Protein backbone atom coordinates (compact mmCIF):
# COMPACT_ATOMS: atom_id res chain seq x y z
CA MET A 1 98.95 152.16 69.51
CA LYS A 2 96.24 154.11 71.07
CA THR A 3 94.66 150.91 72.62
CA MET A 4 98.09 149.75 74.03
CA ARG A 5 98.86 152.86 75.89
CA ALA A 6 95.92 153.29 77.56
CA PHE A 7 96.01 149.54 78.49
CA LEU A 8 99.27 150.25 80.08
CA ILE A 9 98.49 153.30 82.08
CA GLY A 10 95.70 151.22 83.52
CA ILE A 11 98.14 148.63 84.75
CA PHE A 12 100.15 151.63 85.91
CA THR A 13 97.00 152.63 87.73
CA VAL A 14 96.22 149.81 89.61
CA PHE A 15 99.99 148.95 90.47
CA CYS A 16 100.45 152.36 91.89
CA GLY A 17 96.71 151.86 93.67
CA SER A 18 97.76 148.86 95.28
CA ALA A 19 101.25 150.95 97.00
CA PHE A 20 98.55 152.94 98.75
CA THR A 21 97.70 150.33 100.87
CA ASN A 22 97.06 151.65 104.62
CA ALA A 23 98.79 149.19 106.86
CA GLN A 24 97.10 148.50 110.19
CA ASP A 25 97.25 148.96 113.89
CA VAL A 26 100.28 146.49 114.69
CA TYR A 27 98.54 143.22 116.80
CA LEU A 28 101.04 141.08 118.70
CA THR A 29 99.71 137.90 119.93
CA ILE A 30 101.81 136.39 122.47
CA PRO A 31 101.78 132.61 123.35
CA GLU A 32 100.66 131.38 126.59
CA ASN A 33 103.84 129.14 126.73
CA ASN A 34 105.92 132.28 126.95
CA ILE A 35 103.83 133.64 129.38
CA PHE A 36 103.09 130.47 131.54
CA ASN A 37 106.49 129.32 131.07
CA ARG A 38 108.17 132.65 131.55
CA SER A 39 110.71 132.53 128.30
CA GLU A 40 111.69 135.20 125.87
CA PHE A 41 109.11 135.93 123.26
CA THR A 42 110.09 137.00 119.98
CA SER A 43 108.01 138.15 116.99
CA VAL A 44 108.53 137.35 113.45
CA PRO A 45 109.06 140.25 111.56
CA THR A 46 106.32 142.67 111.50
CA ARG A 47 105.01 145.44 109.29
CA VAL A 48 104.35 148.61 111.40
CA MET A 49 104.45 151.13 108.57
CA VAL A 50 104.65 151.44 104.68
CA ASN A 51 106.60 153.23 102.90
CA ALA A 52 105.39 153.83 99.24
CA TYR A 53 107.41 157.02 97.86
CA ARG A 54 110.64 157.51 99.41
CA THR A 55 114.32 156.40 99.43
CA ASN A 56 115.88 158.91 101.28
CA TRP A 57 115.83 160.57 104.73
CA ASP A 58 114.63 163.85 105.62
CA TYR A 59 117.75 166.54 106.27
CA ALA A 60 117.60 170.45 107.60
CA PHE A 61 119.82 172.80 107.59
CA PHE A 62 121.13 172.75 103.71
CA GLY A 63 121.20 168.82 104.40
CA LEU A 64 123.71 168.72 107.31
CA ALA A 65 121.49 167.84 109.71
CA PRO A 66 119.63 164.69 109.82
CA ILE A 67 116.08 164.34 111.01
CA ALA A 68 115.54 160.72 112.46
CA PRO A 69 112.61 158.94 112.24
CA THR A 70 111.07 158.48 115.47
CA PHE A 71 108.10 156.76 117.66
CA THR A 72 105.90 158.60 120.57
CA SER A 73 103.38 157.12 122.88
CA VAL A 74 100.66 159.47 123.07
CA SER A 75 98.45 157.56 125.06
CA GLY A 76 100.61 157.65 128.28
CA PRO A 77 103.74 155.40 129.65
CA ALA A 78 102.26 152.01 129.89
CA PHE A 79 99.87 149.74 127.73
CA THR A 80 96.22 150.20 128.67
CA HIS A 81 93.91 146.88 128.78
CA SER A 82 90.87 147.07 127.08
CA SER A 83 88.36 146.02 130.24
CA SER A 84 90.17 146.50 132.98
CA SER A 85 92.13 148.76 135.28
CA SER A 86 95.31 146.84 134.13
CA THR A 87 98.13 147.92 132.68
CA LEU A 88 101.84 146.65 131.31
CA PRO A 89 104.70 149.56 131.22
CA SER A 90 105.81 150.19 128.33
CA SER A 91 109.01 148.46 128.82
CA ALA A 92 107.56 144.96 128.83
CA LEU A 93 107.76 145.37 125.10
CA LEU A 94 110.73 145.82 123.16
CA TRP A 95 111.62 146.88 119.19
CA GLN A 96 114.15 147.28 116.76
CA LEU A 97 114.07 147.74 112.90
CA GLU A 98 114.16 144.88 110.74
CA SER A 99 113.92 145.76 107.14
CA MET A 100 112.58 148.82 105.09
CA GLY A 101 111.36 147.45 101.63
CA GLY A 102 113.20 143.76 102.48
CA GLN A 103 116.20 144.96 103.74
CA LEU A 104 117.86 147.27 106.49
CA PRO A 105 118.67 151.20 105.46
CA SER A 106 122.32 152.25 104.49
CA THR A 107 124.02 153.18 107.18
CA GLY A 108 126.57 155.27 105.06
CA TYR A 109 128.73 157.50 106.96
CA SER A 110 128.07 157.60 110.62
CA GLY A 111 124.76 156.26 110.27
CA SER A 112 123.50 153.07 112.83
CA LEU A 113 120.76 150.81 113.65
CA PRO A 114 119.60 151.41 117.60
CA GLY A 115 119.43 148.17 119.50
CA PHE A 116 116.09 146.72 121.23
CA GLN A 117 114.08 149.94 122.92
CA SER A 118 110.77 150.48 124.57
CA PHE A 119 107.87 153.13 123.44
CA SER A 120 108.08 156.69 125.43
CA THR A 121 105.86 159.45 125.92
CA SER A 122 109.63 161.05 124.33
CA ALA A 123 110.50 160.52 120.90
CA VAL A 124 112.76 157.41 120.22
CA ARG A 125 114.81 157.11 117.64
CA TRP A 126 114.39 153.54 115.59
CA PHE A 127 117.20 154.72 113.30
CA GLU A 128 119.95 157.02 113.25
CA PRO A 129 120.45 158.37 109.52
CA PRO A 130 123.97 158.80 108.15
CA GLY A 131 125.28 162.55 109.47
CA SER A 132 124.76 164.78 105.71
CA ILE A 133 122.78 163.89 102.86
CA ILE A 134 126.25 164.18 100.73
CA PHE A 135 127.11 160.63 102.09
CA GLY A 136 124.09 159.47 101.17
CA GLY A 137 122.62 156.45 102.90
CA GLY A 138 118.96 155.83 101.64
CA PHE A 139 116.44 152.93 101.74
CA ASN A 140 114.02 150.87 99.63
CA LYS A 141 110.40 151.55 99.20
CA GLY A 142 107.79 148.93 100.92
CA ASN A 143 106.98 147.52 103.83
CA ILE A 144 108.71 148.76 107.16
CA ASN A 145 109.04 145.66 109.56
CA PHE A 146 109.85 145.60 113.15
CA THR A 147 111.09 143.01 115.17
CA PHE A 148 109.20 142.90 118.81
CA LYS A 149 110.12 140.85 122.05
CA ILE A 150 109.09 140.80 125.29
CA PRO A 151 111.99 139.43 127.70
CA ALA A 152 111.66 136.64 129.96
CA ALA A 153 111.87 138.56 133.53
CA GLN A 154 108.79 140.79 132.07
CA PHE A 155 106.79 137.84 132.20
CA ALA A 156 107.70 137.16 135.79
CA ALA A 157 107.35 140.95 137.18
CA ASN A 158 104.00 141.90 134.91
CA THR A 159 100.48 140.60 135.05
CA PHE A 160 99.19 139.59 131.53
CA ARG A 161 95.43 139.49 131.57
CA ALA A 162 93.47 137.96 128.91
CA GLY A 163 92.10 140.67 126.52
CA ASN A 164 94.25 143.48 124.42
CA TYR A 165 96.81 145.85 125.78
CA SER A 166 97.32 148.93 123.40
CA MET A 167 99.35 152.12 123.15
CA ASP A 168 98.58 154.76 120.47
CA ILE A 169 101.76 155.41 118.56
CA THR A 170 102.56 158.15 116.19
CA GLN A 171 105.41 159.01 114.01
CA ASN A 172 107.31 161.77 112.48
CA TYR A 173 107.46 160.89 108.42
CA ASN A 174 104.54 162.15 106.17
CA ASP A 175 105.24 159.71 103.38
CA PHE A 176 105.27 156.67 106.03
CA THR A 177 101.73 155.50 106.68
CA PRO A 178 99.70 155.70 108.86
CA ARG A 179 101.15 158.29 110.77
CA ASN A 180 99.39 156.97 113.81
CA PHE A 181 98.50 153.48 115.06
CA LYS A 182 98.19 151.26 117.83
CA THR A 183 100.34 149.04 119.02
CA ILE A 184 98.19 146.33 120.59
CA LEU A 185 99.09 143.04 122.98
CA VAL A 186 96.91 139.96 122.57
CA ILE A 187 97.20 137.45 125.56
CA PRO A 188 94.61 134.72 124.85
CA GLN A 189 92.38 133.49 127.52
CA SER A 190 94.09 130.10 129.14
CA ILE A 191 94.62 127.97 132.47
CA ARG A 192 96.69 125.64 132.88
CA TRP A 193 97.77 123.29 136.17
CA LEU A 194 101.77 123.57 136.34
CA THR A 195 102.37 121.00 138.80
CA THR A 196 100.86 117.32 138.20
CA SER A 197 100.31 115.61 141.62
CA LEU A 198 98.43 112.57 139.62
CA THR A 199 98.86 110.38 142.98
CA LYS A 200 99.40 110.80 146.48
CA TYR A 201 100.51 108.26 148.52
CA ILE A 202 100.05 108.58 152.48
CA GLU A 203 101.28 106.10 155.34
CA ILE A 204 100.03 105.64 158.72
CA SER A 205 103.01 103.28 160.62
CA SER A 206 101.97 104.45 164.56
CA LEU A 207 98.86 103.81 166.66
CA SER A 208 99.74 107.33 168.20
CA ASP A 209 98.34 108.86 164.97
CA TYR A 210 94.78 107.80 166.41
CA ARG A 211 95.18 109.29 170.12
CA ILE A 212 95.56 113.01 168.48
CA THR A 213 92.83 114.84 169.63
CA GLY A 214 92.69 117.33 167.24
CA THR A 215 91.43 117.28 163.85
CA ARG A 216 94.19 114.91 161.05
CA VAL A 217 95.28 116.91 158.13
CA LEU A 218 96.40 114.78 155.13
CA ASN A 219 98.57 117.24 152.91
CA LEU A 220 98.18 116.85 148.96
CA ASP A 221 101.49 118.74 148.10
CA ASN A 222 101.16 122.26 146.41
CA ALA A 223 99.17 122.99 143.46
CA GLU A 224 100.17 125.62 141.12
CA ILE A 225 98.36 126.93 138.47
CA ALA A 226 98.77 129.35 135.55
CA HIS A 227 96.40 131.58 134.30
CA THR A 228 95.74 134.75 132.06
CA VAL A 229 92.07 134.96 133.95
CA ASP A 230 90.31 134.93 137.47
CA PHE A 231 89.28 131.22 137.90
CA ASN A 232 87.51 129.16 140.77
CA LEU A 233 88.75 125.69 142.17
CA TRP A 234 85.83 123.32 141.87
CA ALA A 235 86.26 119.79 143.20
CA LYS A 236 84.98 116.61 143.73
CA ALA A 237 85.19 113.06 144.38
CA ALA A 238 85.14 110.44 141.72
CA ALA A 239 82.96 108.58 143.75
CA ALA A 240 80.72 108.33 146.78
CA ASN A 241 82.68 105.68 148.56
CA ILE A 242 86.39 105.18 149.54
CA GLN A 243 86.91 101.66 148.22
CA PHE A 244 88.76 99.98 151.27
CA THR A 245 91.06 96.48 151.16
CA SER A 246 91.77 95.36 154.50
CA SER A 247 95.84 93.51 154.85
CA LYS A 248 93.80 90.33 154.67
CA GLY A 249 92.23 91.17 151.15
CA VAL A 250 89.07 92.26 152.60
CA PRO A 251 87.24 94.57 150.42
CA GLY A 252 85.22 97.53 152.51
CA THR A 253 83.81 101.05 151.67
CA ARG A 254 83.79 104.33 153.38
CA ASN A 255 82.03 107.40 153.21
CA ILE A 256 83.78 109.93 151.29
CA ALA A 257 81.97 112.70 152.82
CA SER A 258 83.87 111.62 156.02
CA ILE A 259 86.80 113.35 154.52
CA LYS A 260 86.89 117.23 153.88
CA LEU A 261 89.01 119.72 151.55
CA GLY A 262 90.20 122.55 152.19
CA SER A 263 93.79 124.38 152.55
CA SER A 264 96.39 125.89 154.80
CA GLY A 265 95.36 129.67 154.73
CA SER A 266 92.25 130.95 153.20
CA ALA A 267 92.66 129.92 150.05
CA LEU A 268 89.93 127.42 149.86
CA THR A 269 87.05 126.72 151.85
CA THR A 270 86.60 123.93 153.77
CA LYS A 271 83.73 121.29 152.45
CA ALA A 272 82.97 117.72 152.69
CA LEU A 273 83.75 115.93 149.81
CA SER A 274 80.79 114.42 147.20
CA ALA A 275 80.73 112.76 144.14
CA ASP A 276 79.30 116.31 143.14
CA PHE A 277 81.62 119.53 141.76
CA GLN A 278 81.43 122.00 144.37
CA ASN A 279 83.04 125.13 144.14
CA PHE A 280 85.80 125.48 147.37
CA SER A 281 86.71 129.35 146.47
CA PRO A 282 85.76 131.91 148.93
CA ALA A 283 86.23 134.38 146.36
CA GLY A 284 88.21 133.93 142.83
CA PHE A 285 91.83 133.54 142.20
CA SER A 286 92.73 136.99 140.77
CA VAL A 287 95.94 137.46 137.94
CA GLY A 288 98.64 138.48 139.45
CA ALA A 289 102.09 139.65 138.69
CA GLY A 290 103.74 136.53 137.08
CA ASN A 291 100.54 134.61 136.05
CA ARG A 292 100.82 131.78 138.37
CA ASN A 293 98.73 131.31 141.71
CA SER A 294 99.87 128.33 143.89
CA PHE A 295 98.07 126.81 147.06
CA MET A 296 98.19 123.72 149.48
CA PRO A 297 95.13 121.37 149.04
CA GLU A 298 94.59 119.06 152.27
CA LEU A 299 92.02 116.58 153.48
CA TYR A 300 90.75 116.99 156.60
CA VAL A 301 89.54 114.40 158.84
CA SER A 302 88.24 114.78 162.25
CA ALA A 303 89.66 112.63 165.09
CA GLU A 304 86.32 110.53 165.73
CA ASP A 305 86.30 109.89 162.16
CA PHE A 306 89.71 108.75 161.84
CA LYS A 307 89.57 106.57 164.72
CA ASN A 308 86.14 105.29 163.48
CA TYR A 309 86.65 104.84 159.70
CA PHE A 310 90.59 104.84 159.24
CA PHE A 311 91.77 102.70 161.67
CA GLU A 312 91.85 98.99 160.12
CA ALA A 313 95.06 98.31 158.55
CA GLY A 314 94.88 97.90 155.11
CA THR A 315 94.74 100.48 151.88
CA TYR A 316 91.92 103.14 151.72
CA THR A 317 91.64 104.84 147.66
CA PHE A 318 90.01 107.32 146.14
CA GLU A 319 90.48 109.71 143.30
CA LEU A 320 89.79 113.73 143.20
CA ASN A 321 88.89 115.07 140.20
CA PHE A 322 89.80 119.18 140.21
CA SER A 323 88.75 121.88 138.31
CA VAL A 324 90.21 125.12 137.76
CA ARG A 325 87.27 127.02 135.78
CA SER A 326 87.41 130.74 134.71
CA THR A 327 84.75 132.94 136.81
CA ASP A 328 82.34 133.07 133.94
CA ASN A 329 82.70 129.59 133.32
CA SER A 330 84.00 129.76 129.21
CA ILE A 331 87.34 127.78 129.70
CA ASN A 332 88.61 125.48 131.92
CA SER A 333 91.25 122.85 133.03
CA LEU A 334 91.28 119.53 134.50
CA GLN A 335 93.36 117.04 136.66
CA ASN A 336 92.67 114.24 138.51
CA THR A 337 94.72 112.89 141.52
CA ALA A 338 94.27 109.30 142.94
CA VAL A 339 94.90 109.26 146.99
CA GLN A 340 96.19 106.21 148.77
CA LEU A 341 96.21 106.18 152.75
CA LYS A 342 97.80 102.89 153.37
CA VAL A 343 97.31 101.94 157.33
CA LEU A 344 100.00 99.73 158.26
CA PRO A 345 99.42 96.55 160.51
CA ARG A 346 100.10 97.61 164.69
CA SER A 347 99.68 95.96 167.63
CA GLU A 348 100.41 97.01 171.13
CA ILE A 349 100.47 95.25 174.81
CA THR A 350 100.81 97.87 177.68
CA ILE A 351 100.99 96.38 181.18
CA PRO A 352 100.91 99.23 183.72
CA SER A 353 103.35 99.30 186.42
CA SER A 354 100.77 98.81 188.94
CA GLY A 355 99.89 95.82 187.37
CA ARG A 356 103.00 93.78 186.93
CA ASN A 357 103.21 91.61 189.64
CA VAL A 358 100.33 89.37 191.00
CA ASN A 359 100.99 87.94 194.30
CA PHE A 360 98.88 84.75 196.13
CA ASN A 361 99.73 84.29 199.91
CA PHE A 362 98.78 81.24 201.14
CA ASN A 363 98.46 81.65 204.56
CA THR A 364 94.98 79.87 205.45
CA ALA A 365 94.03 76.09 205.31
CA SER A 366 91.15 77.76 203.60
CA HIS A 367 93.24 79.08 200.92
CA TYR A 368 95.01 75.48 200.54
CA ALA A 369 91.38 73.97 200.41
CA ASN A 370 89.46 75.92 198.11
CA GLY A 371 92.04 77.67 196.26
CA GLN A 372 92.32 81.68 195.26
CA SER A 373 91.33 83.74 192.73
CA GLN A 374 91.96 87.51 191.88
CA VAL A 375 90.68 90.15 189.46
CA ILE A 376 93.30 92.80 188.40
CA PRO A 377 91.53 95.61 187.00
CA SER A 378 92.54 97.27 183.86
CA GLN A 379 95.74 95.32 183.68
CA ILE A 380 96.37 94.76 179.93
CA ILE A 381 95.61 98.11 177.40
CA LEU A 382 95.81 96.44 174.62
CA SER A 383 95.63 98.18 170.75
CA ASN A 384 95.42 96.42 167.24
CA ASN A 385 94.36 97.41 163.80
CA GLU A 386 93.42 94.05 162.72
CA SER A 387 91.31 91.06 164.04
CA PHE A 388 93.07 89.23 166.49
CA GLU A 389 93.75 86.44 169.16
CA LEU A 390 95.16 87.27 172.63
CA TYR A 391 97.38 84.62 174.15
CA VAL A 392 99.35 83.84 177.22
CA LYS A 393 101.91 81.80 177.99
CA SER A 394 105.00 81.54 180.62
CA ASP A 395 108.78 81.06 179.86
CA GLU A 396 108.70 78.15 181.96
CA ASN A 397 106.80 75.44 182.84
CA TYR A 398 107.66 75.52 186.70
CA PHE A 399 107.80 77.89 189.08
CA LYS A 400 111.45 79.22 190.65
CA LYS A 401 112.21 79.72 193.89
CA GLY A 402 115.62 82.22 193.95
CA GLY A 403 116.01 81.44 190.22
CA LEU A 404 116.21 77.76 190.72
CA GLN A 405 113.63 75.65 188.83
CA THR A 406 111.23 73.37 191.45
CA ASP A 407 108.88 70.87 191.23
CA ILE A 408 105.78 73.53 191.09
CA ASN A 409 103.98 73.11 187.80
CA SER A 410 103.24 76.23 185.71
CA ASN A 411 99.47 74.97 185.15
CA ILE A 412 98.36 75.25 188.85
CA LEU A 413 97.99 78.73 187.61
CA GLN A 414 94.97 79.61 184.98
CA ILE A 415 94.29 83.20 183.26
CA GLY A 416 91.87 84.26 181.56
CA VAL A 417 89.91 87.71 180.26
CA ASP A 418 87.25 88.83 183.49
CA GLY A 419 83.71 88.13 181.85
CA SER A 420 85.03 85.12 179.53
CA SER A 421 84.64 81.45 180.19
CA VAL A 422 87.92 80.77 178.97
CA ASN A 423 90.73 80.15 181.85
CA ALA A 424 93.54 78.76 180.00
CA PRO A 425 96.02 76.78 182.23
CA LEU A 426 99.56 78.41 182.11
CA SER A 427 102.18 76.75 179.84
CA LYS A 428 105.51 77.95 177.73
CA THR A 429 102.98 76.64 174.89
CA PRO A 430 100.84 80.11 174.38
CA GLN A 431 97.29 79.47 175.47
CA LYS A 432 94.19 81.64 173.32
CA ILE A 433 92.38 83.45 176.24
CA LEU A 434 90.59 85.86 173.76
CA PHE A 435 88.90 85.02 170.50
CA ASN A 436 87.98 86.79 167.46
CA GLY A 437 88.88 90.15 168.75
CA THR A 438 88.11 93.21 166.03
CA PRO A 439 90.20 96.11 165.48
CA VAL A 440 90.38 98.35 168.47
CA LEU A 441 92.03 101.27 170.03
CA ASP A 442 93.33 101.24 173.92
CA ARG A 443 90.90 98.64 174.89
CA GLN A 444 91.48 98.13 178.60
CA LEU A 445 90.84 94.58 179.97
CA ASP A 446 90.58 92.95 183.43
CA VAL A 447 92.43 89.98 184.02
CA MET A 448 91.50 87.38 186.08
CA TYR A 449 94.06 84.92 188.04
CA THR A 450 92.83 81.94 189.39
CA ILE A 451 94.69 78.94 191.21
CA PRO A 452 91.84 75.99 191.69
CA PRO A 453 91.61 73.87 194.57
CA ALA A 454 93.83 71.13 193.06
CA GLY A 455 96.18 73.55 191.94
CA ALA A 456 96.41 74.84 195.92
CA GLN A 457 96.02 71.61 197.29
CA SER A 458 99.33 70.67 195.54
CA LEU A 459 100.95 73.17 197.08
CA VAL A 460 100.75 71.65 200.56
CA GLY A 461 104.00 70.35 202.29
CA LYS A 462 106.04 72.82 200.06
CA GLU A 463 108.68 75.20 201.30
CA ASN A 464 107.82 78.38 203.11
CA THR A 465 108.94 80.77 200.83
CA THR A 466 108.19 82.78 197.61
CA TYR A 467 107.58 81.02 193.89
CA SER A 468 107.82 83.27 190.87
CA ILE A 469 107.02 82.87 187.37
CA ASN A 470 106.73 85.23 184.32
CA VAL A 471 103.76 85.45 182.36
CA TYR A 472 103.80 86.86 178.71
CA TYR A 473 101.03 88.27 176.42
CA SER A 474 101.01 87.94 172.57
CA PHE A 475 98.75 88.72 169.95
CA THR A 476 98.07 86.41 166.49
CA ALA A 477 96.42 88.22 163.41
CA ILE A 478 93.12 86.48 162.15
């Protein structure tokens, strides 16, 4: 019997010892999704204190005045960061009693459970006991659990930097342990792209784009990064060359270094792209209120390079690799953007007003015997971003007099580009006067018009008047 008694006392001692287990500081790990998405955080029931002995509240003045349990911040009105000057206001974290020993205390007569509230340097009641001990209202022994909450608006308004934010709290009941503890908000290290610009299509549909004298700017759309750590933006091209396919399916390449990456404003340093990662941040992007940073990446091509390397009709493609890296390079987030620049086939033939009329005057015997030639300087200004051939034709096969057709054949007039051996007789059928032309912008052509001796002699005896014919120039892509 004595042995059994000793055994029972041993068990009792062990059980009582377990009831004295001290509660630790309160750690609340805030998920990055709540921070980045700015969505409300609500914790699971979290043990803050332990009650090993009590089942009733304290009352003063002969049990008629309840002593409410309170929390008081003894470290100031804000949560302080462990390794920086960053702070969070006490209002960022709300809390409410969840249970004592597994259930809420009795509210009895006029007791109540306050709603969610925040820590303060003044005592804040976390439960309102009944108005008098006479009306009872107790609670269970065991863990004293609270529910913690960070409203969505707090994530948008404050800076949540990776690390620990803490506040020292004291409470007023001696029998609840611990009397003093820290409430610590644990913010994880994280970086995340919020925008997913996986492709960027840019179309050039006007030759006027190549006449601009300033740097060509190609916008890549807004980039937004969510982060709890300071970061730098690193970037590179996936390859050293831009892949080109002409409008006729002919492949080629362009050097990626002809394109520079930067941004509107001063967010990024402007540098030529390469196949190696470069840091484009003049200074690290700091964590700020709302935990987001946005900037507008842009591509820059000089006017000369744009005209020299991106004029030919076709498709130019390359891939950009972006890496946002914490300033200590411990974490990063990657995103790739495929860029496609499509240049549509475009061509123009311009004849200045000064070169629209070509006049031949036959008023001497020599004109009829030997024929005539004249060169109209810069009569045609042509642009074509494909390989091409230039043709000439008339609207009729005969000259007209006063709007009426005559018997003077159009082929007495020959047309060619000055310096070329080709002089095509004019007819309604298009005649080629420029072969294998390469893509060109605003090329000026001197055009030679000739009425050879045989054609001139066919005019002998014709009525002394004005004969006219319209001449048209056109392209054919090759």
